[in-house]
């Protein structure tokens, strides 16, 4: 892969062009990375208060019923956004592990196999979550483990 940077004082707006033989998973990943915002904090609600949560402090984002929550060491905060919106917004730091849960990849301590091919994540704070088979390949790829890494 070639990367070229051209500095020109006459250019008013930065433009990124990708030239490729075909559209690949790597190109899609690069495009998503370039499009995603560099969010450092996100709003979480607890009782009648709004907290600005630091993204690295969040272990899980999960939905329960119609509500979405952020889990940190201290509390669980409600979000006013939908899970799919948060998945797009936080895609640099989080990955989906099942239908209702996103996990902060930097907070994963280890993974352990369970019976019948199930996988369980153990987080830095000792909490656990089950990985759905549907999302296991994506998680492994994101962590750089397995044959597809």
N, C-alpha and C. Protein backbone atom coordinates (compact mmCIF):
# COMPACT_ATOMS: atom_id res chain seq x y z
N UNK A 1 0.84 -1.17 0.00
CA UNK A 1 0.00 0.00 0.00
C UNK A 1 0.89 1.24 0.00
N UNK A 2 0.57 2.16 -0.85
CA UNK A 2 1.30 3.42 -0.91
C UNK A 2 0.50 4.50 -0.20
N UNK A 3 1.19 5.37 0.52
CA UNK A 3 0.55 6.51 1.16
C UNK A 3 1.29 7.75 0.72
N UNK A 4 0.54 8.74 0.23
CA UNK A 4 1.16 9.96 -0.29
C UNK A 4 0.47 11.16 0.36
N UNK A 5 1.27 12.10 0.85
CA UNK A 5 0.76 13.33 1.44
C UNK A 5 1.28 14.50 0.62
N UNK A 6 0.38 15.36 0.21
CA UNK A 6 0.76 16.55 -0.56
C UNK A 6 0.30 17.78 0.23
N UNK A 7 1.24 18.63 0.59
CA UNK A 7 0.94 19.87 1.30
C UNK A 7 0.90 20.99 0.28
N UNK A 8 -0.22 21.69 0.22
CA UNK A 8 -0.40 22.78 -0.73
C UNK A 8 -1.19 23.88 -0.04
N UNK A 9 -0.59 25.03 0.13
CA UNK A 9 -1.23 26.15 0.83
C UNK A 9 -2.45 26.67 0.10
N UNK A 10 -2.60 26.37 -1.17
CA UNK A 10 -3.74 26.85 -1.96
C UNK A 10 -5.01 26.04 -1.67
N UNK A 11 -4.85 24.84 -1.11
CA UNK A 11 -6.00 23.97 -0.83
C UNK A 11 -6.76 24.52 0.38
N UNK A 12 -8.08 24.70 0.20
CA UNK A 12 -8.90 25.26 1.28
C UNK A 12 -9.51 24.18 2.16
N UNK A 13 -9.80 23.00 1.62
CA UNK A 13 -10.40 21.93 2.40
C UNK A 13 -9.64 20.64 2.13
N UNK A 14 -9.35 19.91 3.19
CA UNK A 14 -8.63 18.64 3.07
C UNK A 14 -9.50 17.62 2.34
N UNK A 15 -8.92 16.92 1.38
CA UNK A 15 -9.61 15.87 0.64
C UNK A 15 -8.76 14.62 0.68
N UNK A 16 -9.40 13.48 0.86
CA UNK A 16 -8.69 12.21 0.87
C UNK A 16 -9.22 11.38 -0.29
N UNK A 17 -8.31 10.91 -1.14
CA UNK A 17 -8.66 10.08 -2.29
C UNK A 17 -8.03 8.71 -2.10
N UNK A 18 -8.80 7.66 -2.34
CA UNK A 18 -8.29 6.30 -2.26
C UNK A 18 -8.38 5.71 -3.65
N UNK A 19 -7.25 5.26 -4.18
CA UNK A 19 -7.21 4.62 -5.49
C UNK A 19 -6.90 3.14 -5.26
N UNK A 20 -7.77 2.26 -5.75
CA UNK A 20 -7.58 0.84 -5.51
C UNK A 20 -8.07 0.03 -6.70
N UNK A 21 -7.55 -1.16 -6.81
CA UNK A 21 -7.96 -2.07 -7.88
C UNK A 21 -9.38 -2.57 -7.65
N UNK A 22 -9.73 -2.81 -6.34
CA UNK A 22 -11.07 -3.27 -6.00
C UNK A 22 -11.40 -2.85 -4.57
N UNK A 23 -12.68 -2.93 -4.26
CA UNK A 23 -13.13 -2.58 -2.92
C UNK A 23 -12.94 -3.79 -2.01
N UNK A 24 -12.12 -3.63 -0.97
CA UNK A 24 -11.81 -4.75 -0.06
C UNK A 24 -12.25 -4.41 1.36
N UNK A 25 -12.16 -5.40 2.24
CA UNK A 25 -12.49 -5.19 3.65
C UNK A 25 -11.56 -4.14 4.26
N UNK A 26 -10.28 -4.17 3.87
CA UNK A 26 -9.32 -3.20 4.40
C UNK A 26 -9.70 -1.77 4.00
N UNK A 27 -10.12 -1.59 2.77
CA UNK A 27 -10.52 -0.26 2.31
C UNK A 27 -11.78 0.19 3.04
N UNK A 28 -12.73 -0.72 3.23
CA UNK A 28 -13.93 -0.38 3.98
C UNK A 28 -13.58 0.04 5.41
N UNK A 29 -12.67 -0.69 6.05
CA UNK A 29 -12.23 -0.38 7.41
C UNK A 29 -11.56 1.00 7.48
N UNK A 30 -10.70 1.29 6.50
CA UNK A 30 -10.02 2.59 6.45
C UNK A 30 -11.03 3.72 6.27
N UNK A 31 -12.01 3.51 5.40
CA UNK A 31 -13.02 4.53 5.17
C UNK A 31 -13.85 4.79 6.43
N UNK A 32 -14.23 3.73 7.12
CA UNK A 32 -14.99 3.90 8.36
C UNK A 32 -14.16 4.63 9.41
N UNK A 33 -12.89 4.30 9.48
CA UNK A 33 -11.99 4.93 10.44
C UNK A 33 -11.87 6.42 10.15
N UNK A 34 -11.75 6.77 8.88
CA UNK A 34 -11.65 8.18 8.50
C UNK A 34 -12.94 8.94 8.76
N UNK A 35 -14.08 8.28 8.58
CA UNK A 35 -15.37 8.93 8.77
C UNK A 35 -15.75 9.08 10.24
N UNK A 36 -15.29 8.17 11.07
CA UNK A 36 -15.72 8.18 12.47
C UNK A 36 -15.14 9.38 13.21
N UNK A 37 -15.92 9.88 14.13
CA UNK A 37 -15.47 11.04 14.90
C UNK A 37 -14.51 10.61 15.99
N UNK A 38 -13.72 11.54 16.45
CA UNK A 38 -12.78 11.25 17.52
C UNK A 38 -13.40 11.69 18.85
N UNK A 39 -14.46 10.99 19.23
CA UNK A 39 -15.18 11.30 20.45
C UNK A 39 -14.35 10.91 21.66
N UNK A 40 -14.23 11.82 22.63
CA UNK A 40 -13.48 11.53 23.85
C UNK A 40 -14.40 11.34 25.04
N UNK A 41 -15.56 12.00 25.03
CA UNK A 41 -16.54 11.87 26.10
C UNK A 41 -17.93 11.69 25.50
N UNK A 42 -18.82 11.13 26.31
CA UNK A 42 -20.20 10.92 25.86
C UNK A 42 -21.12 11.15 27.05
N UNK A 43 -22.33 11.61 26.77
CA UNK A 43 -23.26 11.92 27.84
C UNK A 43 -23.97 10.68 28.36
N UNK A 44 -23.95 10.55 29.69
CA UNK A 44 -24.63 9.46 30.38
C UNK A 44 -25.53 10.04 31.45
N UNK A 45 -26.68 9.44 31.67
CA UNK A 45 -27.68 9.99 32.58
C UNK A 45 -27.87 9.07 33.77
N UNK A 46 -27.86 9.67 34.97
CA UNK A 46 -28.08 8.93 36.21
C UNK A 46 -28.97 9.80 37.09
N UNK A 47 -30.16 9.27 37.39
CA UNK A 47 -31.18 10.03 38.11
C UNK A 47 -31.47 11.32 37.34
N UNK A 48 -31.32 12.46 37.93
CA UNK A 48 -31.61 13.72 37.24
C UNK A 48 -30.34 14.45 36.82
N UNK A 49 -29.23 13.73 36.73
CA UNK A 49 -27.95 14.36 36.42
C UNK A 49 -27.39 13.82 35.11
N UNK A 50 -26.66 14.69 34.42
CA UNK A 50 -26.00 14.31 33.17
C UNK A 50 -24.50 14.28 33.44
N UNK A 51 -23.87 13.15 33.14
CA UNK A 51 -22.43 12.98 33.35
C UNK A 51 -21.74 12.91 32.00
N UNK A 52 -20.57 13.51 31.90
CA UNK A 52 -19.75 13.40 30.70
C UNK A 52 -18.76 12.26 30.96
N UNK A 53 -19.04 11.11 30.38
CA UNK A 53 -18.25 9.91 30.62
C UNK A 53 -17.07 9.85 29.66
N UNK A 54 -15.90 9.55 30.18
CA UNK A 54 -14.73 9.36 29.33
C UNK A 54 -14.86 7.98 28.67
N UNK A 55 -14.69 7.94 27.37
CA UNK A 55 -14.85 6.70 26.61
C UNK A 55 -13.97 5.57 27.17
N UNK A 56 -12.70 5.81 27.51
CA UNK A 56 -11.87 4.72 28.05
C UNK A 56 -12.36 4.16 29.38
N UNK A 57 -13.23 4.87 30.09
CA UNK A 57 -13.75 4.39 31.38
C UNK A 57 -14.95 3.46 31.23
N UNK A 58 -15.49 3.35 30.03
CA UNK A 58 -16.69 2.53 29.80
C UNK A 58 -16.26 1.11 29.43
N UNK A 59 -16.84 0.13 30.12
CA UNK A 59 -16.56 -1.27 29.84
C UNK A 59 -17.52 -1.83 28.78
N UNK A 60 -18.82 -1.61 29.01
CA UNK A 60 -19.85 -2.13 28.11
C UNK A 60 -20.84 -1.03 27.75
N UNK A 61 -21.44 -1.19 26.58
CA UNK A 61 -22.64 -0.46 26.19
C UNK A 61 -23.64 -1.56 25.88
N UNK A 62 -24.78 -1.54 26.55
CA UNK A 62 -25.74 -2.62 26.33
C UNK A 62 -27.16 -2.11 26.36
N UNK A 63 -28.04 -2.86 25.72
CA UNK A 63 -29.46 -2.51 25.72
C UNK A 63 -30.21 -3.53 26.57
N UNK A 64 -31.20 -3.02 27.25
CA UNK A 64 -32.07 -3.85 28.07
C UNK A 64 -33.47 -3.31 27.88
N UNK A 65 -34.29 -4.07 27.22
CA UNK A 65 -35.60 -3.55 26.85
C UNK A 65 -35.41 -2.45 25.82
N UNK A 66 -36.04 -1.31 26.04
CA UNK A 66 -35.92 -0.19 25.09
C UNK A 66 -34.83 0.79 25.51
N UNK A 67 -34.13 0.52 26.60
CA UNK A 67 -33.12 1.45 27.11
C UNK A 67 -31.71 0.96 26.82
N UNK A 68 -30.79 1.93 26.73
CA UNK A 68 -29.38 1.63 26.48
C UNK A 68 -28.57 2.18 27.65
N UNK A 69 -27.57 1.41 28.09
CA UNK A 69 -26.78 1.79 29.26
C UNK A 69 -25.28 1.72 28.97
N UNK A 70 -24.52 2.55 29.71
CA UNK A 70 -23.06 2.49 29.74
C UNK A 70 -22.68 1.91 31.09
N UNK A 71 -21.81 0.91 31.10
CA UNK A 71 -21.33 0.35 32.36
C UNK A 71 -19.89 0.78 32.60
N UNK A 72 -19.66 1.42 33.75
CA UNK A 72 -18.31 1.81 34.17
C UNK A 72 -18.02 1.10 35.49
N UNK A 73 -16.86 1.35 36.07
CA UNK A 73 -16.55 0.79 37.39
C UNK A 73 -17.50 1.31 38.45
N UNK A 74 -17.89 2.57 38.35
CA UNK A 74 -18.68 3.21 39.39
C UNK A 74 -20.18 2.95 39.27
N UNK A 75 -20.73 3.09 38.07
CA UNK A 75 -22.19 3.06 37.90
C UNK A 75 -22.58 2.55 36.53
N UNK A 76 -23.90 2.46 36.37
CA UNK A 76 -24.50 2.24 35.06
C UNK A 76 -25.28 3.50 34.72
N UNK A 77 -24.97 4.07 33.58
CA UNK A 77 -25.59 5.32 33.14
C UNK A 77 -26.48 5.03 31.95
N UNK A 78 -27.59 5.72 31.87
CA UNK A 78 -28.48 5.56 30.74
C UNK A 78 -28.02 6.45 29.59
N UNK A 79 -28.24 5.97 28.37
CA UNK A 79 -27.95 6.77 27.18
C UNK A 79 -29.27 7.14 26.52
N UNK A 80 -29.27 8.26 25.86
CA UNK A 80 -30.46 8.69 25.10
C UNK A 80 -30.37 8.24 23.64
N UNK A 81 -29.26 7.60 23.28
CA UNK A 81 -29.05 7.14 21.90
C UNK A 81 -29.42 5.66 21.76
N UNK A 82 -29.60 5.24 20.54
CA UNK A 82 -29.85 3.83 20.23
C UNK A 82 -28.52 3.08 20.16
N UNK A 83 -28.56 1.78 20.37
CA UNK A 83 -27.34 0.97 20.38
C UNK A 83 -26.61 1.04 19.04
N UNK A 84 -27.35 0.99 17.93
CA UNK A 84 -26.70 1.04 16.62
C UNK A 84 -26.02 2.40 16.38
N UNK A 85 -26.58 3.48 16.92
CA UNK A 85 -25.96 4.79 16.79
C UNK A 85 -24.63 4.82 17.57
N UNK A 86 -24.64 4.25 18.75
CA UNK A 86 -23.43 4.19 19.57
C UNK A 86 -22.38 3.28 18.94
N UNK A 87 -22.82 2.22 18.29
CA UNK A 87 -21.89 1.32 17.60
C UNK A 87 -21.12 2.09 16.52
N UNK A 88 -21.81 2.93 15.76
CA UNK A 88 -21.16 3.75 14.73
C UNK A 88 -20.25 4.81 15.36
N UNK A 89 -20.75 5.46 16.40
CA UNK A 89 -20.02 6.54 17.05
C UNK A 89 -18.75 6.04 17.75
N UNK A 90 -18.81 4.85 18.32
CA UNK A 90 -17.71 4.34 19.14
C UNK A 90 -16.94 3.20 18.48
N UNK A 91 -17.02 3.10 17.17
CA UNK A 91 -16.44 1.93 16.49
C UNK A 91 -14.92 1.81 16.62
N UNK A 92 -14.23 2.90 16.96
CA UNK A 92 -12.78 2.80 17.15
C UNK A 92 -12.44 2.02 18.40
N UNK A 93 -13.23 2.18 19.45
CA UNK A 93 -12.93 1.59 20.74
C UNK A 93 -13.76 0.35 21.07
N UNK A 94 -14.94 0.22 20.46
CA UNK A 94 -15.88 -0.83 20.84
C UNK A 94 -16.17 -1.78 19.68
N UNK A 95 -16.56 -3.00 20.03
CA UNK A 95 -16.98 -3.98 19.04
C UNK A 95 -18.21 -4.71 19.59
N UNK A 96 -19.12 -5.07 18.71
CA UNK A 96 -20.33 -5.79 19.12
C UNK A 96 -19.97 -7.25 19.41
N UNK A 97 -20.48 -7.77 20.54
CA UNK A 97 -20.21 -9.17 20.89
C UNK A 97 -21.47 -10.02 20.91
N UNK A 98 -22.62 -9.37 20.95
CA UNK A 98 -23.89 -10.07 20.82
C UNK A 98 -24.96 -9.05 20.41
N UNK A 99 -26.18 -9.51 20.30
CA UNK A 99 -27.26 -8.65 19.78
C UNK A 99 -27.44 -7.37 20.59
N UNK A 100 -27.15 -7.41 21.89
CA UNK A 100 -27.46 -6.27 22.73
C UNK A 100 -26.25 -5.65 23.44
N UNK A 101 -25.02 -6.05 23.07
CA UNK A 101 -23.85 -5.57 23.82
C UNK A 101 -22.68 -5.17 22.93
N UNK A 102 -22.10 -4.02 23.26
CA UNK A 102 -20.84 -3.56 22.69
C UNK A 102 -19.82 -3.61 23.82
N UNK A 103 -18.57 -3.96 23.52
CA UNK A 103 -17.55 -4.04 24.54
C UNK A 103 -16.34 -3.19 24.15
N UNK A 104 -15.74 -2.54 25.14
CA UNK A 104 -14.53 -1.75 24.94
C UNK A 104 -13.37 -2.73 24.81
N UNK A 105 -12.75 -2.82 23.64
CA UNK A 105 -11.71 -3.82 23.41
C UNK A 105 -10.48 -3.60 24.29
N UNK A 106 -10.24 -2.37 24.71
CA UNK A 106 -9.07 -2.12 25.56
C UNK A 106 -9.29 -2.58 27.01
N UNK A 107 -10.52 -2.94 27.36
CA UNK A 107 -10.84 -3.38 28.72
C UNK A 107 -10.94 -4.90 28.84
N UNK A 108 -10.72 -5.62 27.72
CA UNK A 108 -10.79 -7.08 27.77
C UNK A 108 -9.52 -7.62 28.42
N UNK A 109 -9.71 -8.42 29.47
CA UNK A 109 -8.57 -9.03 30.16
C UNK A 109 -8.20 -10.34 29.47
N UNK A 110 -9.20 -11.24 29.33
CA UNK A 110 -8.97 -12.49 28.62
C UNK A 110 -10.29 -13.09 28.17
N UNK A 111 -10.19 -14.11 27.31
CA UNK A 111 -11.36 -14.81 26.81
C UNK A 111 -11.21 -16.27 27.20
N UNK A 112 -12.32 -16.91 27.53
CA UNK A 112 -12.24 -18.33 27.84
C UNK A 112 -13.35 -19.09 27.14
N UNK A 113 -12.98 -20.28 26.69
CA UNK A 113 -13.93 -21.14 26.01
C UNK A 113 -14.84 -21.79 27.04
N UNK A 114 -16.10 -21.94 26.67
CA UNK A 114 -17.06 -22.65 27.50
C UNK A 114 -17.57 -23.83 26.70
N UNK A 115 -18.46 -24.59 27.29
CA UNK A 115 -19.00 -25.76 26.60
C UNK A 115 -19.75 -25.37 25.33
N UNK A 116 -19.77 -26.28 24.40
CA UNK A 116 -20.48 -26.14 23.13
C UNK A 116 -20.02 -24.92 22.33
N UNK A 117 -18.73 -24.64 22.35
CA UNK A 117 -18.17 -23.58 21.52
C UNK A 117 -18.52 -22.16 21.92
N UNK A 118 -19.05 -21.97 23.10
CA UNK A 118 -19.37 -20.61 23.57
C UNK A 118 -18.10 -19.95 24.09
N UNK A 119 -18.03 -18.63 23.96
CA UNK A 119 -16.89 -17.85 24.41
C UNK A 119 -17.37 -16.85 25.44
N UNK A 120 -16.57 -16.68 26.49
CA UNK A 120 -16.88 -15.68 27.52
C UNK A 120 -15.73 -14.70 27.62
N UNK A 121 -16.06 -13.41 27.69
CA UNK A 121 -15.06 -12.37 27.89
C UNK A 121 -14.97 -12.06 29.37
N UNK A 122 -13.76 -11.88 29.86
CA UNK A 122 -13.56 -11.42 31.23
C UNK A 122 -12.86 -10.07 31.12
N UNK A 123 -13.47 -9.07 31.73
CA UNK A 123 -12.97 -7.71 31.63
C UNK A 123 -11.97 -7.41 32.74
N UNK A 124 -11.28 -6.29 32.62
CA UNK A 124 -10.27 -5.89 33.60
C UNK A 124 -10.85 -5.77 35.01
N UNK A 125 -12.13 -5.42 35.12
CA UNK A 125 -12.75 -5.27 36.44
C UNK A 125 -13.41 -6.56 36.94
N UNK A 126 -13.24 -7.67 36.20
CA UNK A 126 -13.79 -8.95 36.61
C UNK A 126 -15.17 -9.27 36.08
N UNK A 127 -15.86 -8.31 35.47
CA UNK A 127 -17.18 -8.58 34.91
C UNK A 127 -17.03 -9.46 33.67
N UNK A 128 -18.09 -10.16 33.32
CA UNK A 128 -18.04 -11.08 32.19
C UNK A 128 -19.19 -10.82 31.23
N UNK A 129 -19.01 -11.30 30.01
CA UNK A 129 -20.07 -11.22 29.00
C UNK A 129 -19.87 -12.36 28.01
N UNK A 130 -20.97 -12.88 27.50
CA UNK A 130 -20.91 -13.96 26.52
C UNK A 130 -20.83 -13.39 25.11
N UNK A 131 -20.02 -14.03 24.29
CA UNK A 131 -19.87 -13.63 22.89
C UNK A 131 -20.72 -14.56 22.05
N UNK A 132 -21.59 -14.01 21.27
CA UNK A 132 -22.43 -14.77 20.36
C UNK A 132 -21.56 -15.33 19.23
N UNK A 133 -21.87 -16.53 18.78
CA UNK A 133 -21.12 -17.12 17.66
C UNK A 133 -21.16 -16.23 16.42
N UNK A 134 -22.26 -15.53 16.25
CA UNK A 134 -22.43 -14.64 15.10
C UNK A 134 -21.37 -13.54 15.07
N UNK A 135 -20.95 -13.08 16.25
CA UNK A 135 -20.01 -11.96 16.34
C UNK A 135 -18.59 -12.38 16.73
N UNK A 136 -18.36 -13.66 16.97
CA UNK A 136 -17.05 -14.14 17.42
C UNK A 136 -15.95 -13.89 16.39
N UNK A 137 -16.22 -14.15 15.13
CA UNK A 137 -15.21 -13.95 14.09
C UNK A 137 -14.80 -12.47 14.00
N UNK A 138 -15.77 -11.58 14.08
CA UNK A 138 -15.48 -10.14 14.04
C UNK A 138 -14.64 -9.72 15.23
N UNK A 139 -14.98 -10.24 16.41
CA UNK A 139 -14.21 -9.92 17.62
C UNK A 139 -12.77 -10.41 17.49
N UNK A 140 -12.60 -11.64 17.03
CA UNK A 140 -11.24 -12.19 16.88
C UNK A 140 -10.43 -11.38 15.87
N UNK A 141 -11.07 -11.00 14.79
CA UNK A 141 -10.38 -10.19 13.78
C UNK A 141 -9.98 -8.84 14.36
N UNK A 142 -10.86 -8.23 15.12
CA UNK A 142 -10.57 -6.94 15.74
C UNK A 142 -9.42 -7.04 16.74
N UNK A 143 -9.35 -8.16 17.46
CA UNK A 143 -8.28 -8.37 18.44
C UNK A 143 -6.99 -8.89 17.80
N UNK A 144 -7.07 -9.27 16.52
CA UNK A 144 -5.89 -9.76 15.82
C UNK A 144 -5.51 -11.18 16.21
N UNK A 145 -6.50 -11.99 16.53
CA UNK A 145 -6.23 -13.39 16.90
C UNK A 145 -6.92 -14.34 15.95
N UNK A 146 -6.41 -15.54 15.84
CA UNK A 146 -7.02 -16.55 14.97
C UNK A 146 -6.43 -16.53 13.57
N UNK A 147 -6.98 -17.37 12.74
CA UNK A 147 -6.49 -17.53 11.36
C UNK A 147 -6.74 -16.31 10.48
N UNK A 148 -7.83 -15.60 10.73
CA UNK A 148 -8.21 -14.48 9.87
C UNK A 148 -7.56 -13.16 10.26
N UNK A 149 -6.68 -13.18 11.26
CA UNK A 149 -6.09 -11.95 11.78
C UNK A 149 -5.15 -11.30 10.85
